[in-house]
Protein backbone atom coordinates (compact mmCIF):
# COMPACT_ATOMS: atom_id res chain seq x y z
CA UNK A 1 -1.41 -28.88 63.53
CA UNK A 2 -3.37 -29.49 66.70
CA UNK A 3 -0.78 -27.60 68.76
CA UNK A 4 -1.24 -24.54 66.55
CA UNK A 5 -5.01 -24.83 66.99
CA UNK A 6 -4.57 -24.96 70.75
CA UNK A 7 -2.41 -21.82 70.71
CA UNK A 8 -4.84 -19.91 68.49
CA UNK A 9 -7.88 -20.95 70.52
CA UNK A 10 -6.15 -19.98 73.77
CA UNK A 11 -5.28 -16.60 72.27
CA UNK A 12 -8.92 -16.11 71.21
CA UNK A 13 -10.01 -17.00 74.75
CA UNK A 14 -7.69 -14.40 76.24
CA UNK A 15 -8.87 -11.74 73.77
CA UNK A 16 -12.52 -12.49 74.52
CA UNK A 17 -11.87 -12.21 78.27
CA UNK A 18 -10.05 -8.93 77.66
CA UNK A 19 -13.11 -7.62 75.78
CA UNK A 20 -15.30 -8.67 78.71
CA UNK A 21 -13.07 -6.78 81.15
CA UNK A 22 -12.99 -3.72 78.91
CA UNK A 23 -16.77 -3.63 78.58
CA UNK A 24 -17.22 -3.93 82.34
CA UNK A 25 -14.80 -1.16 83.33
CA UNK A 26 -13.63 1.03 80.47
CA UNK A 27 -16.76 2.37 78.79
CA UNK A 28 -16.86 6.11 79.48
CA UNK A 29 -20.15 7.88 80.01
CA UNK A 30 -22.16 4.86 81.13
CA UNK A 31 -23.72 4.07 84.46
CA UNK A 32 -22.90 0.92 86.44
CA UNK A 33 -26.14 -0.84 85.61
CA UNK A 34 -25.61 -0.24 81.89
CA UNK A 35 -22.08 -1.57 82.12
CA UNK A 36 -23.07 -4.74 83.92
CA UNK A 37 -25.94 -5.38 81.51
CA UNK A 38 -23.73 -4.91 78.47
CA UNK A 39 -20.93 -7.01 79.95
CA UNK A 40 -23.24 -9.82 81.04
CA UNK A 41 -25.53 -10.14 78.08
CA UNK A 42 -23.09 -9.64 75.24
CA UNK A 43 -19.49 -10.17 76.19
CA UNK A 44 -19.90 -12.82 78.88
CA UNK A 45 -21.85 -15.09 76.58
CA UNK A 46 -19.32 -14.68 73.78
CA UNK A 47 -16.36 -15.25 76.13
CA UNK A 48 -17.99 -18.35 77.60
CA UNK A 49 -18.64 -19.84 74.17
CA UNK A 50 -15.10 -19.16 72.99
CA UNK A 51 -13.49 -20.49 76.18
CA UNK A 52 -15.57 -23.67 76.21
CA UNK A 53 -14.92 -24.26 72.50
CA UNK A 54 -11.23 -23.76 73.17
CA UNK A 55 -11.48 -26.26 76.01
CA UNK A 56 -12.89 -28.78 73.55
CA UNK A 57 -9.93 -28.16 71.25
CA UNK A 58 -7.61 -28.72 74.20
CA UNK A 59 -9.09 -32.10 74.98
CA UNK A 60 -9.46 -33.20 71.34
CA UNK A 61 -6.31 -35.31 71.40
CA UNK A 62 -7.48 -37.45 74.34
CA UNK A 63 -8.86 -40.80 73.12
CA UNK A 64 -11.83 -41.19 75.47
CA UNK A 65 -12.19 -38.33 77.88
CA UNK A 66 -13.82 -38.70 81.27
CA UNK A 67 -16.86 -36.61 82.00
CA UNK A 68 -15.28 -33.66 83.82
CA UNK A 69 -12.11 -33.16 81.81
CA UNK A 70 -13.51 -30.08 80.03
CA UNK A 71 -13.52 -28.22 83.33
CA UNK A 72 -9.84 -29.08 83.84
CA UNK A 73 -8.63 -27.55 80.59
CA UNK A 74 -6.67 -24.30 80.68
CA UNK A 75 -9.13 -22.06 78.76
CA UNK A 76 -12.11 -23.09 80.91
CA UNK A 77 -10.16 -22.62 84.14
CA UNK A 78 -8.93 -19.27 82.84
CA UNK A 79 -12.54 -18.29 82.15
CA UNK A 80 -13.76 -19.18 85.63
CA UNK A 81 -10.82 -17.56 87.43
CA UNK A 82 -11.07 -14.36 85.41
CA UNK A 83 -14.84 -14.29 85.91
CA UNK A 84 -14.36 -14.57 89.68
CA UNK A 85 -11.77 -11.80 89.63
CA UNK A 86 -13.99 -9.65 87.44
CA UNK A 87 -16.92 -10.02 89.83
CA UNK A 88 -14.78 -9.09 92.84
CA UNK A 89 -13.27 -6.07 91.08
CA UNK A 90 -16.63 -4.92 89.76
CA UNK A 91 -18.30 -5.10 93.17
CA UNK A 92 -15.36 -3.33 94.80
CA UNK A 93 -15.36 -0.53 92.24
CA UNK A 94 -19.13 -0.19 92.52
CA UNK A 95 -18.89 0.08 96.31
CA UNK A 96 -16.08 2.62 96.14
CA UNK A 97 -17.87 4.79 93.60
CA UNK A 98 -21.07 4.85 95.63
CA UNK A 99 -19.70 5.27 99.16
CA UNK A 100 -16.14 6.59 98.96
CA UNK A 101 -15.85 8.88 95.94
CA UNK A 102 -18.68 11.24 97.03
CA UNK A 103 -16.79 11.87 100.28
CA UNK A 104 -13.77 12.90 98.22
CA UNK A 105 -15.81 15.26 96.06
CA UNK A 106 -17.19 17.05 99.11
CA UNK A 107 -13.74 18.14 100.21
CA UNK A 108 -12.60 19.54 96.88
CA UNK A 109 -12.10 23.34 96.62
CA UNK A 110 -14.50 25.12 94.29
């Protein structure tokens, strides 16, 4: 039963991280500051709670866990790695939209 709980909690972690990525990049008609505020305040908090709760499920079968074993679980590591990738991609897309895309629009025929 615990293995099924681990699989379901990992799936919920992945879905919450997908929702975070979607709110940061795929909301049409919003500015960058609105996207980052919505992604940070709403979806990042929810994804962090789900991933850390899933990490607790992953270490539930250990008799007495050392202090830092929660950070070594798969859902928590997945959260931190995807958060780092999200930050890099967000900053890169922000930079490209501010400095590179306007140069492309200047050269378009009217």
